[in-house]
Amino acid sequence: MSARRSVALCPGSYDPVTNGHLDIIGRAAALWDEVVVGVVNHPVRKGATLFDVKERIAFIEEATAELPNVRVEGFSTLVVELARAVGARAIVKGLRAISDFEYELEMNQLNRQQAPDIESVYLMASPRYSFLSSSGVKELAIFGGVIDSLVPATVARRLREELARS
């Protein structure tokens, strides 16, 4: 009898990826044999992205290069369809606050209706990242705030370049 590899999916827009996202991805990588980071091509809830999907994927690939069981894929389908395609039995998300819980509860129920065999698993944000969001980082960057401890160095540099043009 062969052992079945456990696969988890960490979906999101990652516009841009933050150290909080990377903390959740790294913690998931310690729990599952393989973690697929799914980067949604055109998020519905969040509207247009600052960075295109290829650049967001590249940011995550660079930041997770030392995690051999993590791979990154773009997607333009339902999350549960991507989970099935990559063989994931779990969708892993991070929770920071009550507002995250309310949204994720709704998504969990919708996903469960579509794919009752795929579980949603939530990891609580580490205290040092409990306030961190991509939108907050972008707002800080727009007004010249210090973002270097909040995102990978490549992301910080690109945010400054991109938002300086605006």
C-alpha atoms as a PDB file:
ATOM      1  CA  MET A   1       0.000   0.000   0.000  1.00  0.00           C
ATOM      2  CA  SER A   2       1.485   3.338  -1.023  1.00  0.00           C
ATOM      3  CA  ALA A   3       1.235   6.390   1.186  1.00  0.00           C
ATOM      4  CA  ARG A   4      -0.836   9.215  -0.250  1.00  0.00           C
ATOM      5  CA  ARG A   5       0.907  12.579  -0.333  1.00  0.00           C
ATOM      6  CA  SER A   6      -0.976  15.339   1.403  1.00  0.00           C
ATOM      7  CA  VAL A   7      -1.484  18.443  -0.709  1.00  0.00           C
ATOM      8  CA  ALA A   8      -2.795  21.824   0.430  1.00  0.00           C
ATOM      9  CA  LEU A   9      -3.751  24.860  -1.606  1.00  0.00           C
ATOM     10  CA  CYS A  10      -3.067  28.405  -0.359  1.00  0.00           C
ATOM     11  CA  PRO A  11      -5.100  30.620  -2.720  1.00  0.00           C
ATOM     12  CA  GLY A  12      -5.102  34.396  -2.874  1.00  0.00           C
ATOM     13  CA  SER A  13      -4.516  37.486  -4.950  1.00  0.00           C
ATOM     14  CA  TYR A  14      -1.136  38.210  -3.315  1.00  0.00           C
ATOM     15  CA  ASP A  15      -1.087  41.767  -4.658  1.00  0.00           C
ATOM     16  CA  PRO A  16       1.558  41.928  -3.378  1.00  0.00           C
ATOM     17  CA  VAL A  17       2.690  39.000  -1.271  1.00  0.00           C
ATOM     18  CA  THR A  18       3.483  40.098   2.288  1.00  0.00           C
ATOM     19  CA  ASN A  19       5.568  38.560   5.044  1.00  0.00           C
ATOM     20  CA  GLY A  20       2.271  37.578   6.654  1.00  0.00           C
ATOM     21  CA  HIS A  21       1.335  35.546   3.566  1.00  0.00           C
ATOM     22  CA  LEU A  22       4.779  33.964   3.574  1.00  0.00           C
ATOM     23  CA  ASP A  23       4.405  33.051   7.236  1.00  0.00           C
ATOM     24  CA  ILE A  24       1.164  31.166   6.484  1.00  0.00           C
ATOM     25  CA  ILE A  25       2.704  29.478   3.427  1.00  0.00           C
ATOM     26  CA  GLY A  26       5.770  28.410   5.423  1.00  0.00           C
ATOM     27  CA  ARG A  27       3.672  27.061   8.286  1.00  0.00           C
ATOM     28  CA  ALA A  28       1.477  25.154   5.805  1.00  0.00           C
ATOM     29  CA  ALA A  29       4.631  23.730   4.189  1.00  0.00           C
ATOM     30  CA  ALA A  30       5.559  22.260   7.575  1.00  0.00           C
ATOM     31  CA  LEU A  31       2.154  20.527   7.827  1.00  0.00           C
ATOM     32  CA  TRP A  32       1.558  19.161   4.304  1.00  0.00           C
ATOM     33  CA  ASP A  33       3.773  17.195   1.929  1.00  0.00           C
ATOM     34  CA  GLU A  34       3.118  19.714  -0.828  1.00  0.00           C
ATOM     35  CA  VAL A  35       1.725  23.238  -0.811  1.00  0.00           C
ATOM     36  CA  VAL A  36       0.463  24.846  -3.980  1.00  0.00           C
ATOM     37  CA  VAL A  37       0.181  28.618  -3.780  1.00  0.00           C
ATOM     38  CA  GLY A  38      -2.646  29.579  -6.118  1.00  0.00           C
ATOM     39  CA  VAL A  39      -2.429  33.130  -7.446  1.00  0.00           C
ATOM     40  CA  VAL A  40      -5.752  34.269  -8.862  1.00  0.00           C
ATOM     41  CA  ASN A  41      -5.333  35.943 -12.229  1.00  0.00           C
ATOM     42  CA  HIS A  42      -8.191  38.454 -11.974  1.00  0.00           C
ATOM     43  CA  PRO A  43      -9.657  38.653  -8.467  1.00  0.00           C
ATOM     44  CA  VAL A  44     -13.358  39.476  -8.453  1.00  0.00           C
ATOM     45  CA  ARG A  45     -13.630  40.796  -4.907  1.00  0.00           C
ATOM     46  CA  LYS A  46     -10.567  43.040  -5.042  1.00  0.00           C
ATOM     47  CA  GLY A  47     -10.781  44.385  -8.577  1.00  0.00           C
ATOM     48  CA  ALA A  48      -7.748  45.261 -10.699  1.00  0.00           C
ATOM     49  CA  THR A  49      -4.344  44.295  -9.372  1.00  0.00           C
ATOM     50  CA  LEU A  50      -1.258  46.498  -9.200  1.00  0.00           C
ATOM     51  CA  PHE A  51       0.977  43.667 -10.427  1.00  0.00           C
ATOM     52  CA  ASP A  52       0.096  41.188 -13.159  1.00  0.00           C
ATOM     53  CA  VAL A  53      -0.186  37.500 -12.324  1.00  0.00           C
ATOM     54  CA  LYS A  54       3.252  36.629 -13.745  1.00  0.00           C
ATOM     55  CA  GLU A  55       4.994  39.154 -11.518  1.00  0.00           C
ATOM     56  CA  ARG A  56       2.994  38.103  -8.426  1.00  0.00           C
ATOM     57  CA  ILE A  57       3.961  34.479  -9.127  1.00  0.00           C
ATOM     58  CA  ALA A  58       7.619  35.465  -9.530  1.00  0.00           C
ATOM     59  CA  PHE A  59       7.576  37.336  -6.190  1.00  0.00           C
ATOM     60  CA  ILE A  60       6.256  34.236  -4.401  1.00  0.00           C
ATOM     61  CA  GLU A  61       8.593  31.834  -6.192  1.00  0.00           C
ATOM     62  CA  GLU A  62      11.593  33.934  -5.171  1.00  0.00           C
ATOM     63  CA  ALA A  63      10.394  34.267  -1.576  1.00  0.00           C
ATOM     64  CA  THR A  64       9.649  30.543  -1.189  1.00  0.00           C
ATOM     65  CA  ALA A  65      12.678  29.202  -3.090  1.00  0.00           C
ATOM     66  CA  GLU A  66      14.036  27.573   0.081  1.00  0.00           C
ATOM     67  CA  LEU A  67      10.809  25.625   0.639  1.00  0.00           C
ATOM     68  CA  PRO A  68      11.183  22.587  -1.652  1.00  0.00           C
ATOM     69  CA  ASN A  69       7.594  21.413  -1.166  1.00  0.00           C
ATOM     70  CA  VAL A  70       6.024  24.715  -2.283  1.00  0.00           C
ATOM     71  CA  ARG A  71       5.097  25.508  -5.864  1.00  0.00           C
ATOM     72  CA  VAL A  72       3.169  28.430  -7.316  1.00  0.00           C
ATOM     73  CA  GLU A  73       0.453  28.416  -9.984  1.00  0.00           C
ATOM     74  CA  GLY A  74      -1.753  31.089 -11.476  1.00  0.00           C
ATOM     75  CA  PHE A  75      -5.435  30.312 -11.895  1.00  0.00           C
ATOM     76  CA  SER A  76      -8.634  31.737 -13.355  1.00  0.00           C
ATOM     77  CA  THR A  77     -11.160  29.179 -12.083  1.00  0.00           C
ATOM     78  CA  LEU A  78     -13.064  28.453  -8.911  1.00  0.00           C
ATOM     79  CA  VAL A  79     -10.690  27.752  -6.021  1.00  0.00           C
ATOM     80  CA  VAL A  80     -12.168  24.269  -5.580  1.00  0.00           C
ATOM     81  CA  GLU A  81     -11.511  23.506  -9.255  1.00  0.00           C
ATOM     82  CA  LEU A  82      -7.842  24.385  -8.786  1.00  0.00           C
ATOM     83  CA  ALA A  83      -7.759  22.320  -5.585  1.00  0.00           C
ATOM     84  CA  ARG A  84      -9.070  19.302  -7.483  1.00  0.00           C
ATOM     85  CA  ALA A  85      -6.660  19.884 -10.383  1.00  0.00           C
ATOM     86  CA  VAL A  86      -3.613  19.888  -8.075  1.00  0.00           C
ATOM     87  CA  GLY A  87      -4.893  17.058  -5.854  1.00  0.00           C
ATOM     88  CA  ALA A  88      -5.385  19.240  -2.767  1.00  0.00           C
ATOM     89  CA  ARG A  89      -7.755  18.024  -0.080  1.00  0.00           C
ATOM     90  CA  ALA A  90      -7.338  21.232   1.938  1.00  0.00           C
ATOM     91  CA  ILE A  91      -7.652  24.929   1.196  1.00  0.00           C
ATOM     92  CA  VAL A  92      -5.467  26.810   3.674  1.00  0.00           C
ATOM     93  CA  LYS A  93      -6.094  30.440   4.547  1.00  0.00           C
ATOM     94  CA  GLY A  94      -4.776  32.796   7.207  1.00  0.00           C
ATOM     95  CA  LEU A  95      -7.053  34.645   9.616  1.00  0.00           C
ATOM     96  CA  ARG A  96      -6.072  37.964  11.173  1.00  0.00           C
ATOM     97  CA  ALA A  97      -9.259  39.400  12.612  1.00  0.00           C
ATOM     98  CA  ILE A  98     -13.012  38.952  12.983  1.00  0.00           C
ATOM     99  CA  SER A  99     -13.541  40.634   9.605  1.00  0.00           C
ATOM    100  CA  ASP A 100     -11.424  37.903   7.953  1.00  0.00           C
ATOM    101  CA  PHE A 101     -13.489  35.255   9.716  1.00  0.00           C
ATOM    102  CA  GLU A 102     -16.789  36.641   8.426  1.00  0.00           C
ATOM    103  CA  TYR A 103     -15.590  36.651   4.829  1.00  0.00           C
ATOM    104  CA  GLU A 104     -13.876  33.251   5.090  1.00  0.00           C
ATOM    105  CA  LEU A 105     -16.956  31.669   6.688  1.00  0.00           C
ATOM    106  CA  GLU A 106     -19.001  32.708   3.662  1.00  0.00           C
ATOM    107  CA  MET A 107     -16.334  31.415   1.252  1.00  0.00           C
ATOM    108  CA  ASN A 108     -16.070  28.159   3.213  1.00  0.00           C
ATOM    109  CA  GLN A 109     -19.801  27.532   2.902  1.00  0.00           C
ATOM    110  CA  LEU A 110     -19.799  28.279  -0.824  1.00  0.00           C
ATOM    111  CA  ASN A 111     -16.734  26.066  -1.397  1.00  0.00           C
ATOM    112  CA  ARG A 112     -18.223  23.263   0.716  1.00  0.00           C
ATOM    113  CA  GLN A 113     -21.371  23.372  -1.410  1.00  0.00           C
ATOM    114  CA  GLN A 114     -19.275  23.019  -4.576  1.00  0.00           C
ATOM    115  CA  ALA A 115     -16.792  20.464  -3.181  1.00  0.00           C
ATOM    116  CA  PRO A 116     -17.760  18.814   0.121  1.00  0.00           C
ATOM    117  CA  ASP A 117     -14.655  16.592  -0.086  1.00  0.00           C
ATOM    118  CA  ILE A 118     -12.268  19.571   0.171  1.00  0.00           C
ATOM    119  CA  GLU A 119     -11.763  21.014   3.651  1.00  0.00           C
ATOM    120  CA  SER A 120     -10.983  24.626   4.475  1.00  0.00           C
ATOM    121  CA  VAL A 121      -8.284  24.956   7.118  1.00  0.00           C
ATOM    122  CA  TYR A 122      -7.481  28.238   8.849  1.00  0.00           C
ATOM    123  CA  LEU A 123      -4.186  29.224  10.421  1.00  0.00           C
ATOM    124  CA  MET A 124      -4.233  32.144  12.827  1.00  0.00           C
ATOM    125  CA  ALA A 125      -1.909  34.969  11.851  1.00  0.00           C
ATOM    126  CA  SER A 126       1.261  35.189  13.867  1.00  0.00           C
ATOM    127  CA  PRO A 127       0.962  38.144  16.256  1.00  0.00           C
ATOM    128  CA  ARG A 128       3.610  40.179  14.439  1.00  0.00           C
ATOM    129  CA  TYR A 129       1.597  39.920  11.193  1.00  0.00           C
ATOM    130  CA  SER A 130      -1.929  40.204  12.597  1.00  0.00           C
ATOM    131  CA  PHE A 131      -2.277  43.764  11.253  1.00  0.00           C
ATOM    132  CA  LEU A 132      -0.619  43.189   7.892  1.00  0.00           C
ATOM    133  CA  SER A 133      -2.517  43.353   4.595  1.00  0.00           C
ATOM    134  CA  SER A 134      -1.537  43.900   0.973  1.00  0.00           C
ATOM    135  CA  SER A 135      -3.796  46.949   0.769  1.00  0.00           C
ATOM    136  CA  GLY A 136      -2.205  48.431   3.898  1.00  0.00           C
ATOM    137  CA  VAL A 137       1.277  47.913   2.467  1.00  0.00           C
ATOM    138  CA  LYS A 138       0.265  49.594  -0.794  1.00  0.00           C
ATOM    139  CA  GLU A 139      -1.184  52.552   1.090  1.00  0.00           C
ATOM    140  CA  LEU A 140       2.001  52.936   3.131  1.00  0.00           C
ATOM    141  CA  ALA A 141       4.073  52.760  -0.050  1.00  0.00           C
ATOM    142  CA  ILE A 142       1.962  55.402  -1.800  1.00  0.00           C
ATOM    143  CA  PHE A 143       2.704  57.869   0.984  1.00  0.00           C
ATOM    144  CA  GLY A 144       6.375  56.962   1.367  1.00  0.00           C
ATOM    145  CA  GLY A 145       6.007  54.834   4.496  1.00  0.00           C
ATOM    146  CA  VAL A 146       8.592  52.247   5.494  1.00  0.00           C
ATOM    147  CA  ILE A 147       7.565  48.837   4.132  1.00  0.00           C
ATOM    148  CA  ASP A 148      10.868  46.936   4.160  1.00  0.00           C
ATOM    149  CA  SER A 149       9.974  44.752   7.156  1.00  0.00           C
ATOM    150  CA  LEU A 150       6.513  43.963   5.768  1.00  0.00           C
ATOM    151  CA  VAL A 151       7.327  42.462   2.359  1.00  0.00           C
ATOM    152  CA  PRO A 152      10.261  40.749   0.634  1.00  0.00           C
ATOM    153  CA  ALA A 153      12.962  43.145  -0.615  1.00  0.00           C
ATOM    154  CA  THR A 154      12.067  42.624  -4.294  1.00  0.00           C
ATOM    155  CA  VAL A 155       8.429  43.462  -3.574  1.00  0.00           C
ATOM    156  CA  ALA A 156       9.379  46.606  -1.621  1.00  0.00           C
ATOM    157  CA  ARG A 157      11.562  47.811  -4.491  1.00  0.00           C
ATOM    158  CA  ARG A 158       8.872  47.121  -7.122  1.00  0.00           C
ATOM    159  CA  LEU A 159       6.168  48.785  -5.018  1.00  0.00           C
ATOM    160  CA  ARG A 160       8.271  51.937  -4.765  1.00  0.00           C
ATOM    161  CA  GLU A 161       8.909  51.873  -8.546  1.00  0.00           C
ATOM    162  CA  GLU A 162       5.292  51.204  -9.469  1.00  0.00           C
ATOM    163  CA  LEU A 163       3.688  53.641  -7.061  1.00  0.00           C
ATOM    164  CA  ALA A 164       6.176  56.437  -7.777  1.00  0.00           C
ATOM    165  CA  ARG A 165       4.701  56.594 -11.284  1.00  0.00           C
ATOM    166  CA  SER A 166       1.170  57.174 -10.010  1.00  0.00           C
END
